[in-house]
Protein backbone atom coordinates (compact mmCIF):
# COMPACT_ATOMS: atom_id res chain seq x y z
CA MET A 1 0.00 0.00 0.00
CA SER A 2 1.40 3.42 -0.98
CA ILE A 3 1.92 6.23 1.52
CA ARG A 4 -0.87 8.10 -0.25
CA GLU A 5 -3.30 5.20 0.27
CA GLN A 6 -2.18 4.86 3.89
CA ALA A 7 -2.78 8.56 4.55
CA ALA A 8 -6.22 8.37 2.93
CA ASP A 9 -7.11 5.37 5.10
CA VAL A 10 -5.95 7.15 8.27
CA LEU A 11 -7.96 10.21 7.29
CA ARG A 12 -11.04 8.14 6.45
CA ARG A 13 -10.94 6.31 9.82
CA SER A 14 -10.18 9.47 11.82
CA LEU A 15 -13.04 11.41 10.26
CA ALA A 16 -15.46 8.53 10.87
CA GLU A 17 -14.45 8.38 14.54
CA GLN A 18 -15.09 12.11 15.00
CA GLU A 19 -18.71 11.73 13.88
CA LEU A 20 -18.56 14.74 11.59
CA ASP A 21 -20.58 15.45 8.45
CA VAL A 22 -18.10 14.04 5.90
CA GLU A 23 -18.30 13.24 2.21
CA GLU A 24 -15.54 11.52 0.26
CA THR A 25 -16.22 13.01 -3.18
CA GLU A 26 -13.61 10.74 -4.77
CA PRO A 27 -10.87 8.58 -3.28
CA GLY A 28 -8.63 10.76 -1.12
CA ARG A 29 -10.82 13.92 -1.42
CA PHE A 30 -12.92 14.75 1.62
CA VAL A 31 -15.34 17.56 2.42
CA VAL A 32 -15.93 17.99 6.15
CA VAL A 33 -18.45 20.31 7.80
CA LEU A 34 -17.27 21.59 11.18
CA PRO A 35 -19.99 22.96 13.47
CA GLY A 36 -19.18 26.25 15.18
CA GLU A 37 -20.68 28.80 17.52
CA ARG A 38 -20.04 32.18 15.85
CA LYS A 39 -19.61 30.83 12.34
CA GLN A 40 -22.31 28.20 12.34
CA ARG A 41 -20.49 25.88 9.98
CA THR A 42 -17.09 25.79 8.36
CA THR A 43 -16.66 23.64 5.27
CA CYS A 44 -13.18 22.16 5.05
CA SER A 45 -11.63 20.38 2.08
CA LEU A 46 -8.98 17.73 2.72
CA VAL A 47 -7.15 16.39 -0.31
CA VAL A 48 -4.57 13.61 -0.16
CA GLY A 49 -2.05 14.44 -2.86
CA GLU A 50 1.09 12.68 -4.03
CA HIS A 51 3.25 14.17 -1.26
CA ALA A 52 1.01 16.14 1.09
CA LEU A 53 -2.43 16.49 2.60
CA THR A 54 -3.87 19.85 1.55
CA VAL A 55 -6.32 21.57 3.87
CA GLN A 56 -8.56 24.45 2.78
CA ALA A 57 -11.52 26.02 4.57
CA PHE A 58 -13.62 29.01 3.54
CA VAL A 59 -13.86 31.63 6.31
CA ALA A 60 -15.46 34.77 4.82
CA ARG A 61 -16.06 36.50 1.52
CA HIS A 62 -14.10 39.56 0.42
CA VAL A 63 -14.67 42.32 2.97
CA ASP A 64 -16.68 45.41 2.02
CA GLU A 65 -14.55 47.90 3.95
CA ASN A 66 -11.30 48.28 5.89
CA ALA A 67 -9.61 45.58 3.82
CA GLU A 68 -6.11 46.66 4.78
CA THR A 69 -7.00 46.53 8.48
CA VAL A 70 -8.65 43.13 8.16
CA TYR A 71 -5.81 41.62 6.14
CA ARG A 72 -3.19 43.00 8.51
CA TRP A 73 -5.10 41.50 11.46
CA LEU A 74 -5.18 38.12 9.67
CA LEU A 75 -1.45 38.25 8.93
CA GLU A 76 -0.72 39.03 12.57
CA ARG A 77 -2.90 36.06 13.58
CA ASN A 78 -0.82 33.84 11.28
CA LEU A 79 2.08 34.31 13.70
CA ARG A 80 0.15 32.25 16.26
CA THR A 81 -1.58 29.59 14.15
CA TYR A 82 -0.82 25.89 13.99
CA GLY A 83 -0.97 23.82 10.81
CA VAL A 84 -3.03 26.29 8.78
CA SER A 85 -2.83 29.99 8.07
CA PHE A 86 -5.13 32.66 6.73
CA SER A 87 -4.91 33.30 3.01
CA LEU A 88 -6.80 35.09 0.24
CA ASP A 89 -7.92 33.87 -3.15
CA HIS A 90 -7.90 35.99 -6.32
CA LEU A 91 -11.25 37.54 -5.31
CA GLY A 92 -10.07 38.48 -1.82
CA ASP A 93 -12.16 35.80 -0.12
CA ILE A 94 -10.61 34.61 3.15
CA TYR A 95 -9.55 30.99 3.65
CA LEU A 96 -7.54 28.89 6.04
CA THR A 97 -5.01 26.78 4.15
CA GLY A 98 -2.30 24.32 5.06
CA ARG A 99 -0.25 21.35 3.94
CA LEU A 100 0.86 18.35 5.91
CA PRO A 101 3.40 15.76 4.73
CA LEU A 102 1.70 12.43 4.16
CA ASP A 103 3.91 10.63 6.68
CA ALA A 104 2.63 13.06 9.35
CA VAL A 105 -1.04 12.13 8.78
CA THR A 106 -2.00 10.42 12.02
CA PRO A 107 -5.31 10.36 13.90
CA ASP A 108 -3.95 12.84 16.46
CA GLU A 109 -2.67 15.19 13.76
CA VAL A 110 -5.96 15.06 11.84
CA ASP A 111 -7.74 16.01 15.08
CA ARG A 112 -5.26 18.87 15.71
CA ILE A 113 -5.59 20.25 12.18
CA LEU A 114 -9.39 20.15 12.22
CA GLY A 115 -9.35 21.68 15.70
CA SER A 116 -7.13 24.48 14.39
CA VAL A 117 -9.44 25.12 11.44
CA LEU A 118 -12.47 25.27 13.70
CA GLU A 119 -10.79 27.44 16.34
CA TYR A 120 -9.40 29.97 13.85
CA ALA A 121 -12.49 30.15 11.61
CA ASP A 122 -14.98 30.33 14.46
CA GLY A 123 -12.82 32.47 16.74
CA SER A 124 -12.03 35.10 14.11
CA PHE A 125 -15.40 35.24 12.37
CA ASN A 126 -17.08 38.00 14.38
CA THR A 127 -13.95 40.15 14.33
CA ILE A 128 -13.71 39.82 10.55
CA LEU A 129 -17.39 40.74 10.21
CA GLU A 130 -17.10 43.67 12.59
CA MET A 131 -14.03 45.12 10.88
CA GLY A 132 -14.98 44.29 7.30
CA PHE A 133 -18.75 44.61 7.20
CA ALA A 134 -19.69 47.15 9.93
CA THR A 135 -21.68 49.39 7.58
CA ALA A 136 -23.69 46.48 6.19
CA ILE A 137 -24.36 45.18 9.71
CA ARG A 138 -25.59 48.61 10.82
CA LYS A 139 -27.90 48.85 7.79
CA GLU A 140 -29.24 45.34 8.35
CA TRP A 141 -29.87 46.07 12.05
CA GLU A 142 -31.70 49.29 11.17
CA TRP A 143 -33.76 47.60 8.47
CA ARG A 144 -34.79 44.74 10.75
CA THR A 145 -35.65 46.87 13.76
CA SER A 146 -37.65 49.34 11.63
CA ARG A 147 -39.83 46.44 10.46
CA GLY A 148 -39.98 44.51 13.72
CA GLU A 149 -37.88 41.68 12.28
CA PRO A 150 -35.77 39.48 14.60
CA THR A 151 -32.18 40.51 15.26
CA ALA A 152 -31.07 37.45 17.24
CA ASN A 153 -28.35 36.41 14.78
CA LEU A 154 -26.97 39.98 14.86
CA GLU A 155 -26.88 40.22 18.66
CA ALA A 156 -23.08 39.97 18.79
CA PHE A 157 -23.01 43.23 16.83
CA ARG A 158 -25.56 45.20 18.87
CA HIS A 159 -22.81 47.67 19.84
CA LEU A 160 -22.43 48.62 16.18
CA ALA A 161 -26.09 49.59 15.97
CA GLU A 162 -26.05 51.77 19.08
CA PRO A 163 -25.69 55.53 18.49
CA ARG A 164 -22.12 56.69 18.12
CA ASP A 165 -20.89 59.73 20.04
């Protein structure tokens, strides 16, 4: 059995043990949905390549405002991340990406990498939204409250809707 097949088997077993929403779209290509608190779900792609396991998870779309501030904050966060780091695609959408050598794919390492993805995506989500979408959040809050619509999923951003001095 090749190292690629071994890594895919380890990944397959590890994901099954974690009882996550997982789909193997083709041999060695997995899509995992990680449940979060702030970001309700983070979809993570795990691809077993010839030499490495590639990890990619969507975090947020291109920010509407303060892009330089948001991207600087993400780069500073990269100094403290494990296994994955924040990155941007050609549209400016925010991802977590990483690579792991195939011989390092163990059940413990799969758990650590997925834990990192979840922690960084979920833990940074509200900050990214607050810095990069504050105007849109304020408008949405105003629109909802003016019509008596629920604001429960915006509650973390109530302070943005309060009058500014």
